[in-house]
Amino acid sequence: MSTLQNRLVDHGYVTTRVLAPSQDLKSGILRLVIIPGVVRHVRLTPDSDDYIQLYSSFPAHEGSLLDLRDIEQGLENMQRLPGVQADMEIVPGEQPGESDILITRKQDKYWRLGFSLDDSGTRSTGRYLGGITFSLDNPFSLSDLLYVSATHNFPHYGGKGSKNYTAHYSVPFGYWQFSVTASDYDYHQTVAGAVEDYQYSGESQNLGMQLSRVLHRNGTQKTVLTYDVQARRSRNYINDTEIQVQRRQTAAWRLGLQHRHYISQATLDAGVSWQRGTRWFGAQPAPEEIFGEATALSKILQMNASFNLPFTLAEQPFSYSFRYQRQLSNTPLTPQEQFAIGNRWTVRGFDGERTLNASNGWYIRNDLAWRTPLPEQELYLGMDYGEVGGAGSEYLVGRHLAGGVVGLRGQLFSTDYDVFIGRPFSKPAGFMTSDVTAGFNLFRDF
């Protein structure tokens, strides 16, 4: 009986009880009675902020079986917003098996304003990028999130520049979540000609929607299924005259599975996705399809894994993190969908002015971090390696890159920062990049 009770608790049914009623055991049969634990009410405590719709955030509803996983999902939906703290208490109801779920919820702010500055741009369009993000937390009382952001090269140059605008909205509903993101990117640069200089410019618009569903969760694991639909449009110009052969309008869908597993103090994330290009939303064949060089009807398999392990060495707090990303495709891909390595987001130690691109590729990133005695300051060492292959790689100067960085990150004067310096360890002959690369990221949230 205790084994059965423990199994119920392990599956989240913490108020369901297994009882043995009075009976004659001479027959050799033991009869057990299960009293289901059900939810009577889900309500906020009197001292909670009440601008919230509990029905949409919480999968646990009145009359349903009380499942601890439903409560955990509800708290996670609420606390997805940075300014929200939520907790719960289960109290007995009036009838046997009934329980009330009392939610304590606090939200300090309903809006945030963030400023960013980094040097992740390129020499051709502006190295330094400044950004501003305005966020509304829980604007419609649905634990939803709305933000708009703008990024611009800084300072402004007449002959080159870039700007990007993004809008995002996401809302959970129990184990489901829906999000939509739209962005608009423009850039321009001056190209030297034999007689006069030309202005080369471009613009692109992206729209993406995602629907996700938590398939399974328990005390240590969670598995999420995602479905994305994406549409993209891009144009390029020389002196305001469009280059017709570079016009693109594409669409695709992606089905993905993401899993998280807590193993003692470590965290393991792994995922896989399949992307398929379509002719939806007026999508057009890619210019490369005329000569069979590439196709917008792509078939792309992507895999990812990450691992984080905090540990103590010589009484000092350290952490090791690992990240793996891989892309496979048996179709030749357009430049926008090719796998690229050689920048601060993939294989570090390179300036990002040039990358190795092909249809297939993978990279691995390793970080060893030491939490210094100074509060909220972390020193880290990173070593990365990556390769590309498949269609498009036959025209490259090489197929592999290796590099590393050393950096310091943390928070000073309420500003998050990351400063680093890196260098290439191995690269193909003829692959031009700086011998030493330095970079920084700054972010301040109000």
Protein backbone atom coordinates (compact mmCIF):
# COMPACT_ATOMS: atom_id res chain seq x y z
CA MET A 1 0.00 0.00 0.00
CA SER A 2 2.83 2.39 0.82
CA THR A 3 4.46 1.56 -2.51
CA LEU A 4 1.29 2.51 -4.36
CA GLN A 5 0.98 5.71 -2.33
CA ASN A 6 4.57 6.67 -3.12
CA ARG A 7 3.98 6.04 -6.82
CA LEU A 8 1.03 8.41 -6.77
CA VAL A 9 3.11 11.09 -5.05
CA ASP A 10 5.95 10.62 -7.54
CA HIS A 11 3.48 11.27 -10.36
CA GLY A 12 2.30 14.49 -8.70
CA TYR A 13 -0.94 13.30 -7.08
CA VAL A 14 0.14 14.43 -3.63
CA THR A 15 -3.36 14.64 -2.08
CA THR A 16 -4.71 11.35 -3.47
CA ARG A 17 -4.83 8.70 -0.74
CA VAL A 18 -4.76 4.89 -0.74
CA LEU A 19 -6.72 3.35 2.15
CA ALA A 20 -7.50 -0.18 3.28
CA PRO A 21 -11.11 -0.37 4.57
CA SER A 22 -12.24 -2.86 7.20
CA GLN A 23 -12.42 -6.29 5.58
CA ASP A 24 -12.03 -9.99 6.15
CA LEU A 25 -8.59 -11.07 4.92
CA LYS A 26 -9.34 -14.78 5.32
CA SER A 27 -10.33 -14.85 1.67
CA GLY A 28 -6.77 -13.91 0.76
CA ILE A 29 -7.90 -10.80 -1.11
CA LEU A 30 -6.88 -7.29 -0.01
CA ARG A 31 -9.16 -4.53 -1.20
CA LEU A 32 -7.84 -0.97 -1.39
CA VAL A 33 -9.80 2.23 -1.79
CA ILE A 34 -8.34 5.23 -3.62
CA ILE A 35 -9.71 8.59 -2.53
CA PRO A 36 -8.85 10.99 -5.34
CA GLY A 37 -7.48 14.34 -4.34
CA VAL A 38 -9.35 17.03 -6.25
CA VAL A 39 -9.10 20.79 -6.54
CA ARG A 40 -11.95 22.66 -4.89
CA HIS A 41 -10.79 26.25 -5.48
CA VAL A 42 -7.79 28.00 -6.99
CA ARG A 43 -7.56 31.51 -5.61
CA LEU A 44 -5.20 34.30 -4.71
CA THR A 45 -4.33 35.18 -1.13
CA PRO A 46 -5.71 38.52 0.11
CA ASP A 47 -2.27 40.19 -0.01
CA SER A 48 -1.58 39.18 -3.64
CA ASP A 49 -1.62 41.42 -6.68
CA ASP A 50 -4.86 40.45 -8.37
CA TYR A 51 -4.22 41.65 -11.95
CA ILE A 52 -3.98 38.09 -13.25
CA GLN A 53 -6.25 35.52 -14.89
CA LEU A 54 -5.56 32.31 -12.98
CA TYR A 55 -7.61 30.15 -15.35
CA SER A 56 -5.28 30.75 -18.29
CA SER A 57 -2.02 30.56 -16.33
CA PHE A 58 -2.86 27.50 -14.24
CA PRO A 59 -3.67 24.08 -15.73
CA ALA A 60 -5.13 23.13 -12.33
CA HIS A 61 -8.85 23.98 -12.36
CA GLU A 62 -11.75 23.46 -9.98
CA GLY A 63 -12.95 19.86 -9.97
CA SER A 64 -9.83 18.41 -11.59
CA LEU A 65 -7.44 15.97 -9.95
CA LEU A 66 -4.83 17.81 -7.93
CA ASP A 67 -1.57 17.25 -9.79
CA LEU A 68 1.57 18.90 -8.46
CA ARG A 69 2.85 19.17 -12.06
CA ASP A 70 -0.12 21.38 -12.95
CA ILE A 71 0.76 23.68 -10.06
CA GLU A 72 4.44 23.77 -11.04
CA GLN A 73 3.48 24.66 -14.61
CA GLY A 74 1.22 27.45 -13.38
CA LEU A 75 3.92 28.94 -11.18
CA GLU A 76 6.38 28.71 -14.08
CA ASN A 77 3.93 30.54 -16.35
CA MET A 78 3.62 33.34 -13.84
CA GLN A 79 7.32 33.62 -13.06
CA ARG A 80 8.37 33.70 -16.71
CA LEU A 81 8.13 37.47 -16.26
CA PRO A 82 11.17 38.98 -14.49
CA GLY A 83 9.21 41.14 -12.04
CA VAL A 84 6.86 38.43 -10.76
CA GLN A 85 7.30 36.29 -7.64
CA ALA A 86 4.77 33.52 -7.03
CA ASP A 87 4.30 30.79 -4.44
CA MET A 88 1.53 28.40 -3.49
CA GLU A 89 0.05 26.57 -0.54
CA ILE A 90 -2.26 23.55 -0.54
CA VAL A 91 -4.87 23.65 2.24
CA PRO A 92 -7.57 21.04 3.03
CA GLY A 93 -11.11 21.62 1.78
CA GLU A 94 -14.38 20.86 3.51
CA GLN A 95 -14.92 17.40 2.01
CA PRO A 96 -12.54 14.42 2.09
CA GLY A 97 -10.06 14.60 -0.78
CA GLU A 98 -10.79 18.26 -1.53
CA SER A 99 -8.06 20.88 -1.40
CA ASP A 100 -7.74 24.58 -2.09
CA ILE A 101 -4.71 25.98 -3.91
CA LEU A 102 -3.76 29.37 -2.51
CA ILE A 103 -1.53 31.46 -4.76
CA THR A 104 0.61 34.29 -3.44
CA ARG A 105 1.62 36.53 -6.33
CA LYS A 106 3.61 39.76 -6.30
CA GLN A 107 4.48 41.94 -9.29
CA ASP A 108 6.73 44.91 -8.59
CA LYS A 109 6.62 46.49 -12.06
CA TYR A 110 4.52 46.21 -15.17
CA TRP A 111 7.06 47.70 -17.56
CA ARG A 112 10.80 47.68 -18.14
CA LEU A 113 13.16 49.84 -20.17
CA GLY A 114 16.51 48.40 -21.22
CA PHE A 115 19.53 49.93 -22.93
CA SER A 116 22.31 47.98 -24.62
CA LEU A 117 25.65 48.74 -26.24
CA ASP A 118 28.04 46.30 -27.89
CA ASP A 119 30.57 45.98 -30.70
CA SER A 120 28.99 43.05 -32.53
CA GLY A 121 28.53 44.94 -35.81
CA THR A 122 30.79 44.84 -38.85
CA ARG A 123 33.24 47.39 -40.22
CA SER A 124 31.17 47.77 -43.38
CA THR A 125 27.93 48.79 -41.59
CA GLY A 126 29.17 50.03 -38.20
CA ARG A 127 31.00 48.21 -35.45
CA TYR A 128 29.18 49.65 -32.42
CA LEU A 129 25.47 48.98 -31.92
CA GLY A 130 23.22 50.74 -29.44
CA GLY A 131 19.79 49.42 -28.55
CA ILE A 132 16.69 50.21 -26.53
CA THR A 133 13.97 47.75 -25.47
CA PHE A 134 10.60 48.60 -23.93
CA SER A 135 8.77 45.67 -22.31
CA LEU A 136 5.29 45.30 -20.87
CA ASP A 137 4.96 42.47 -18.37
CA ASN A 138 1.48 40.98 -18.02
CA PRO A 139 -0.23 43.71 -20.09
CA PHE A 140 -3.51 41.78 -20.50
CA SER A 141 -3.38 39.93 -17.13
CA LEU A 142 -2.51 36.66 -18.91
CA SER A 143 1.12 36.31 -17.75
CA ASP A 144 1.86 37.58 -21.25
CA LEU A 145 4.86 39.55 -22.49
CA LEU A 146 5.02 42.34 -25.06
CA TYR A 147 8.19 44.13 -26.07
CA VAL A 148 9.50 46.35 -28.84
CA SER A 149 13.17 47.02 -29.47
CA ALA A 150 15.31 49.14 -31.76
CA THR A 151 19.01 48.79 -32.56
CA HIS A 152 21.14 51.27 -34.49
CA ASN A 153 24.80 51.63 -35.30
CA PHE A 154 26.49 54.05 -32.91
CA PRO A 155 27.72 56.65 -33.60
CA HIS A 156 25.91 57.40 -36.84
CA TYR A 157 27.99 57.41 -40.02
CA GLY A 158 26.80 58.91 -43.30
CA GLY A 159 28.38 56.30 -45.56
CA LYS A 160 27.45 53.19 -43.60
CA GLY A 161 25.01 52.04 -41.00
CA SER A 162 22.38 49.53 -39.89
CA LYS A 163 19.16 49.52 -37.93
CA ASN A 164 16.85 46.82 -36.68
CA TYR A 165 13.36 46.97 -35.20
CA THR A 166 11.69 44.04 -33.43
CA ALA A 167 8.27 43.45 -31.87
CA HIS A 168 7.36 40.35 -29.85
CA TYR A 169 4.32 39.02 -28.03
CA SER A 170 3.95 35.73 -26.16
CA VAL A 171 1.24 34.28 -23.94
CA PRO A 172 0.93 30.97 -22.05
CA PHE A 173 -2.24 28.96 -21.61
CA GLY A 174 -1.70 26.06 -19.25
CA TYR A 175 0.78 23.74 -20.92
CA TRP A 176 0.59 25.68 -24.18
CA GLN A 177 2.36 28.85 -25.26
CA PHE A 178 1.97 31.03 -28.34
CA SER A 179 4.42 33.67 -29.55
CA VAL A 180 4.78 35.94 -32.56
CA THR A 181 7.85 37.97 -33.51
CA ALA A 182 8.26 40.49 -36.32
CA SER A 183 11.44 42.32 -37.29
CA ASP A 184 12.66 44.80 -39.88
CA TYR A 185 16.37 45.19 -40.69
CA ASP A 186 18.05 47.78 -42.94
CA TYR A 187 21.69 48.45 -43.72
CA HIS A 188 23.78 50.51 -46.11
CA GLN A 189 27.47 50.75 -46.96
CA THR A 190 29.68 52.59 -49.41
CA VAL A 191 31.50 50.54 -52.05
CA ALA A 192 34.45 52.04 -53.92
CA GLY A 193 34.10 52.05 -57.71
CA ALA A 194 36.54 52.73 -60.54
CA VAL A 195 35.02 56.15 -61.28
CA GLU A 196 32.75 56.89 -58.32
CA ASP A 197 31.61 55.35 -55.06
CA TYR A 198 28.36 53.42 -54.87
CA GLN A 199 25.95 52.92 -52.00
CA TYR A 200 24.99 49.28 -51.51
CA SER A 201 21.99 48.80 -49.23
CA GLY A 202 19.51 46.16 -48.22
CA GLU A 203 16.38 45.51 -46.23
CA SER A 204 14.70 42.43 -44.83
CA GLN A 205 11.50 41.71 -42.96
CA ASN A 206 10.85 38.60 -40.88
CA LEU A 207 7.70 37.22 -39.30
CA GLY A 208 7.72 34.16 -37.08
CA MET A 209 5.03 32.39 -35.06
CA GLN A 210 5.49 29.55 -32.62
CA LEU A 211 3.11 27.23 -30.80
CA SER A 212 4.61 25.06 -28.07
CA ARG A 213 3.26 22.36 -25.77
CA VAL A 214 4.78 20.82 -22.65
CA LEU A 215 4.46 17.10 -23.30
CA HIS A 216 5.87 15.84 -20.03
CA ARG A 217 7.27 17.16 -16.79
CA ASN A 218 8.18 15.81 -13.39
CA GLY A 219 10.46 16.90 -10.58
CA THR A 220 13.64 16.67 -12.68
CA GLN A 221 12.63 16.67 -16.36
CA LYS A 222 10.60 18.61 -18.90
CA THR A 223 9.94 17.94 -22.60
CA VAL A 224 8.49 20.57 -24.95
CA LEU A 225 7.18 20.20 -28.51
CA THR A 226 7.39 23.30 -30.75
CA TYR A 227 5.96 24.20 -34.14
CA ASP A 228 7.17 27.32 -35.96
CA VAL A 229 6.07 29.07 -39.13
CA GLN A 230 8.40 31.67 -40.63
CA ALA A 231 8.23 34.11 -43.53
CA ARG A 232 11.06 36.30 -44.80
CA ARG A 233 11.39 38.99 -47.45
CA SER A 234 14.61 40.74 -48.52
CA ARG A 235 15.68 43.30 -51.12
CA ASN A 236 19.07 44.79 -52.08
CA TYR A 237 19.85 48.03 -53.89
CA ILE A 238 22.67 49.94 -55.58
CA ASN A 239 22.10 53.70 -55.39
CA ASP A 240 18.40 53.05 -54.65
CA THR A 241 17.99 50.83 -57.72
CA GLU A 242 16.86 47.33 -56.78
CA ILE A 243 19.01 44.36 -57.78
CA GLN A 244 16.25 42.10 -59.07
CA VAL A 245 18.30 38.89 -59.03
CA GLN A 246 18.87 39.30 -55.27
CA ARG A 247 15.18 39.62 -54.39
CA ARG A 248 14.02 36.91 -51.98
CA GLN A 249 10.70 35.91 -50.45
CA THR A 250 10.74 32.65 -48.53
CA ALA A 251 8.69 30.68 -46.02
CA ALA A 252 9.26 27.59 -43.91
CA TRP A 253 7.88 25.53 -41.05
CA ARG A 254 9.84 23.84 -38.29
CA LEU A 255 8.91 21.04 -35.88
CA GLY A 256 11.10 20.68 -32.81
CA LEU A 257 11.50 18.78 -29.57
CA GLN A 258 13.40 20.20 -26.59
CA HIS A 259 14.22 18.34 -23.37
CA ARG A 260 15.67 19.53 -20.05
CA HIS A 261 16.98 17.19 -17.36
CA TYR A 262 18.28 18.18 -13.93
CA ILE A 263 20.93 15.67 -12.84
CA SER A 264 21.91 16.45 -9.25
CA GLN A 265 23.52 19.92 -9.52
CA ALA A 266 23.95 19.70 -13.30
CA THR A 267 21.53 20.77 -16.04
CA LEU A 268 21.33 19.02 -19.41
CA ASP A 269 19.42 20.44 -22.38
CA ALA A 270 19.01 18.64 -25.69
CA GLY A 271 16.89 19.27 -28.75
CA VAL A 272 16.21 18.33 -32.34
CA SER A 273 14.23 20.08 -35.08
CA TRP A 274 13.23 19.53 -38.70
CA GLN A 275 12.73 22.51 -41.03
CA ARG A 276 11.05 22.45 -44.42
CA GLY A 277 10.90 25.31 -46.91
CA THR A 278 7.49 25.96 -48.51
CA ARG A 279 5.79 28.22 -51.04
CA TRP A 280 3.39 29.60 -48.42
CA PHE A 281 2.54 33.31 -48.13
CA GLY A 282 3.57 34.07 -51.69
CA ALA A 283 7.09 32.67 -51.29
CA GLN A 284 9.12 32.66 -54.51
CA PRO A 285 11.85 30.36 -55.83
CA ALA A 286 15.34 31.45 -54.83
CA PRO A 287 17.45 33.04 -57.60
CA GLU A 288 19.91 30.13 -57.22
CA GLU A 289 17.22 27.65 -58.28
CA ILE A 290 17.57 28.75 -61.92
CA PHE A 291 20.96 27.03 -62.17
CA GLY A 292 20.36 24.38 -59.50
CA GLU A 293 22.87 25.99 -57.12
CA ALA A 294 20.49 26.11 -54.12
CA THR A 295 16.82 25.91 -53.24
CA ALA A 296 14.40 27.73 -50.97
CA LEU A 297 12.54 24.43 -50.46
CA SER A 298 15.12 23.44 -47.89
CA LYS A 299 15.17 20.34 -45.72
CA ILE A 300 17.22 21.01 -42.60
CA LEU A 301 17.83 18.84 -39.55
CA GLN A 302 19.22 20.68 -36.53
CA MET A 303 20.45 19.23 -33.24
CA ASN A 304 21.62 20.97 -30.09
CA ALA A 305 22.83 20.06 -26.63
CA SER A 306 24.12 22.01 -23.65
CA PHE A 307 25.40 21.00 -20.25
CA ASN A 308 26.15 23.08 -17.16
CA LEU A 309 27.83 21.80 -14.01
CA PRO A 310 28.70 23.95 -10.98
CA PHE A 311 31.43 22.54 -8.74
CA THR A 312 33.88 23.51 -6.03
CA LEU A 313 37.66 23.27 -6.38
CA ALA A 314 40.08 24.34 -3.62
CA GLU A 315 37.06 25.86 -1.83
CA GLN A 316 36.41 28.09 -4.83
CA PRO A 317 33.14 28.06 -6.83
CA PHE A 318 33.55 27.06 -10.48
CA SER A 319 31.25 26.00 -13.29
CA TYR A 320 31.77 24.15 -16.55
CA SER A 321 29.45 24.60 -19.51
CA PHE A 322 29.31 22.83 -22.83
CA ARG A 323 27.32 23.66 -25.95
CA TYR A 324 26.94 21.67 -29.16
CA GLN A 325 25.12 22.73 -32.32
CA ARG A 326 24.80 20.77 -35.58
CA GLN A 327 23.03 21.23 -38.90
CA LEU A 328 22.50 18.62 -41.62
CA SER A 329 20.90 19.08 -45.03
CA ASN A 330 20.89 17.02 -48.20
CA THR A 331 19.73 20.05 -50.20
CA PRO A 332 22.03 22.91 -51.27
CA LEU A 333 21.03 25.90 -49.16
CA THR A 334 20.86 29.62 -49.83
CA PRO A 335 23.33 31.83 -47.91
CA GLN A 336 20.59 32.85 -45.45
CA GLU A 337 20.10 29.21 -44.34
CA GLN A 338 23.68 27.95 -44.47
CA PHE A 339 25.52 27.03 -41.29
CA ALA A 340 28.17 29.62 -40.40
CA ILE A 341 31.11 29.55 -37.97
CA GLY A 342 33.66 32.18 -36.99
CA ASN A 343 32.02 34.83 -34.77
CA ARG A 344 31.19 35.49 -31.13
CA TRP A 345 28.02 33.38 -31.30
CA THR A 346 29.63 30.24 -32.76
CA VAL A 347 33.41 29.65 -32.74
CA ARG A 348 34.91 32.51 -30.76
CA GLY A 349 38.32 34.11 -31.21
CA PHE A 350 37.48 35.49 -34.67
CA ASP A 351 36.44 39.04 -35.56
CA GLY A 352 33.32 37.96 -37.48
CA GLU A 353 34.12 39.97 -40.60
CA ARG A 354 34.35 36.69 -42.51
CA THR A 355 32.84 33.30 -41.73
CA LEU A 356 32.91 29.79 -43.14
CA ASN A 357 29.46 28.93 -44.55
CA ALA A 358 28.04 25.70 -45.98
CA SER A 359 24.89 23.57 -45.89
CA ASN A 360 26.20 21.29 -43.13
CA GLY A 361 28.21 22.10 -40.04
CA TRP A 362 28.72 21.79 -36.34
CA TYR A 363 30.56 23.48 -33.48
CA ILE A 364 31.29 22.85 -29.85
CA ARG A 365 31.87 25.52 -27.17
CA ASN A 366 33.48 24.92 -23.78
CA ASP A 367 33.53 27.40 -20.89
CA LEU A 368 35.24 27.15 -17.51
CA ALA A 369 34.15 29.95 -15.17
CA TRP A 370 35.36 31.02 -11.72
CA ARG A 371 33.08 33.06 -9.49
CA THR A 372 35.55 35.51 -8.01
CA PRO A 373 35.47 36.77 -4.41
CA LEU A 374 34.17 40.06 -5.79
CA PRO A 375 30.35 39.95 -5.71
CA GLU A 376 28.66 39.13 -9.03
CA GLN A 377 31.94 38.95 -10.98
CA GLU A 378 32.91 35.88 -12.99
CA LEU A 379 36.15 35.17 -14.86
CA TYR A 380 35.83 32.67 -17.70
CA LEU A 381 37.94 30.81 -20.24
CA GLY A 382 36.43 29.50 -23.48
CA MET A 383 37.70 27.11 -26.16
CA ASP A 384 35.69 26.36 -29.31
CA TYR A 385 35.94 24.23 -32.44
CA GLY A 386 33.75 23.95 -35.53
CA GLU A 387 33.54 22.51 -39.02
CA VAL A 388 31.41 23.00 -42.13
CA GLY A 389 30.76 20.65 -45.04
CA GLY A 390 28.28 19.60 -47.67
CA ALA A 391 27.02 21.80 -50.48
CA GLY A 392 28.93 25.06 -50.73
CA SER A 393 32.00 23.92 -48.82
CA GLU A 394 33.87 22.99 -52.01
CA TYR A 395 34.41 26.69 -52.74
CA LEU A 396 35.83 27.57 -49.31
CA VAL A 397 39.49 28.06 -48.37
CA GLY A 398 39.01 25.47 -45.63
CA ARG A 399 36.41 23.78 -43.49
CA HIS A 400 37.42 24.10 -39.83
CA LEU A 401 38.07 26.81 -37.23
CA ALA A 402 39.31 26.69 -33.64
CA GLY A 403 39.62 29.61 -31.25
CA GLY A 404 39.37 30.72 -27.68
CA VAL A 405 38.58 33.65 -25.40
CA VAL A 406 39.19 34.84 -21.87
CA GLY A 407 36.70 37.24 -20.37
CA LEU A 408 35.06 38.82 -17.35
CA ARG A 409 31.31 39.12 -16.90
CA GLY A 410 28.96 40.18 -14.17
CA GLN A 411 27.23 43.29 -12.91
CA LEU A 412 28.62 46.70 -11.93
CA PHE A 413 26.51 49.72 -10.98
CA SER A 414 23.33 47.82 -11.94
CA THR A 415 24.74 47.22 -15.44
CA ASP A 416 25.29 43.73 -16.85
CA TYR A 417 28.53 43.46 -18.74
CA ASP A 418 30.72 40.99 -20.61
CA VAL A 419 34.20 41.92 -21.84
CA PHE A 420 36.51 39.44 -23.54
CA ILE A 421 39.60 39.04 -25.66
CA GLY A 422 40.21 36.11 -27.99
CA ARG A 423 42.38 34.76 -30.75
CA PRO A 424 42.28 32.04 -33.41
CA PHE A 425 43.98 28.74 -32.59
CA SER A 426 43.61 27.12 -36.00
CA LYS A 427 42.25 28.35 -39.34
CA PRO A 428 42.68 27.63 -43.05
CA ALA A 429 45.46 29.38 -44.92
CA GLY A 430 43.93 32.36 -46.65
CA PHE A 431 41.14 32.86 -44.11
CA MET A 432 41.60 36.53 -43.18
CA THR A 433 40.85 37.55 -39.60
CA SER A 434 42.42 39.62 -36.83
CA ASP A 435 45.20 38.02 -34.80
CA VAL A 436 43.51 39.24 -31.61
CA THR A 437 39.84 40.08 -31.17
CA ALA A 438 38.33 42.02 -28.26
CA GLY A 439 34.67 42.63 -27.58
CA PHE A 440 32.12 43.80 -25.04
CA ASN A 441 28.39 43.76 -24.24
CA LEU A 442 26.65 46.18 -21.88
CA PHE A 443 23.02 46.12 -20.73
CA ARG A 444 21.13 48.26 -18.22
CA ASP A 445 17.55 47.54 -17.23
CA PHE A 446 15.27 50.06 -15.51
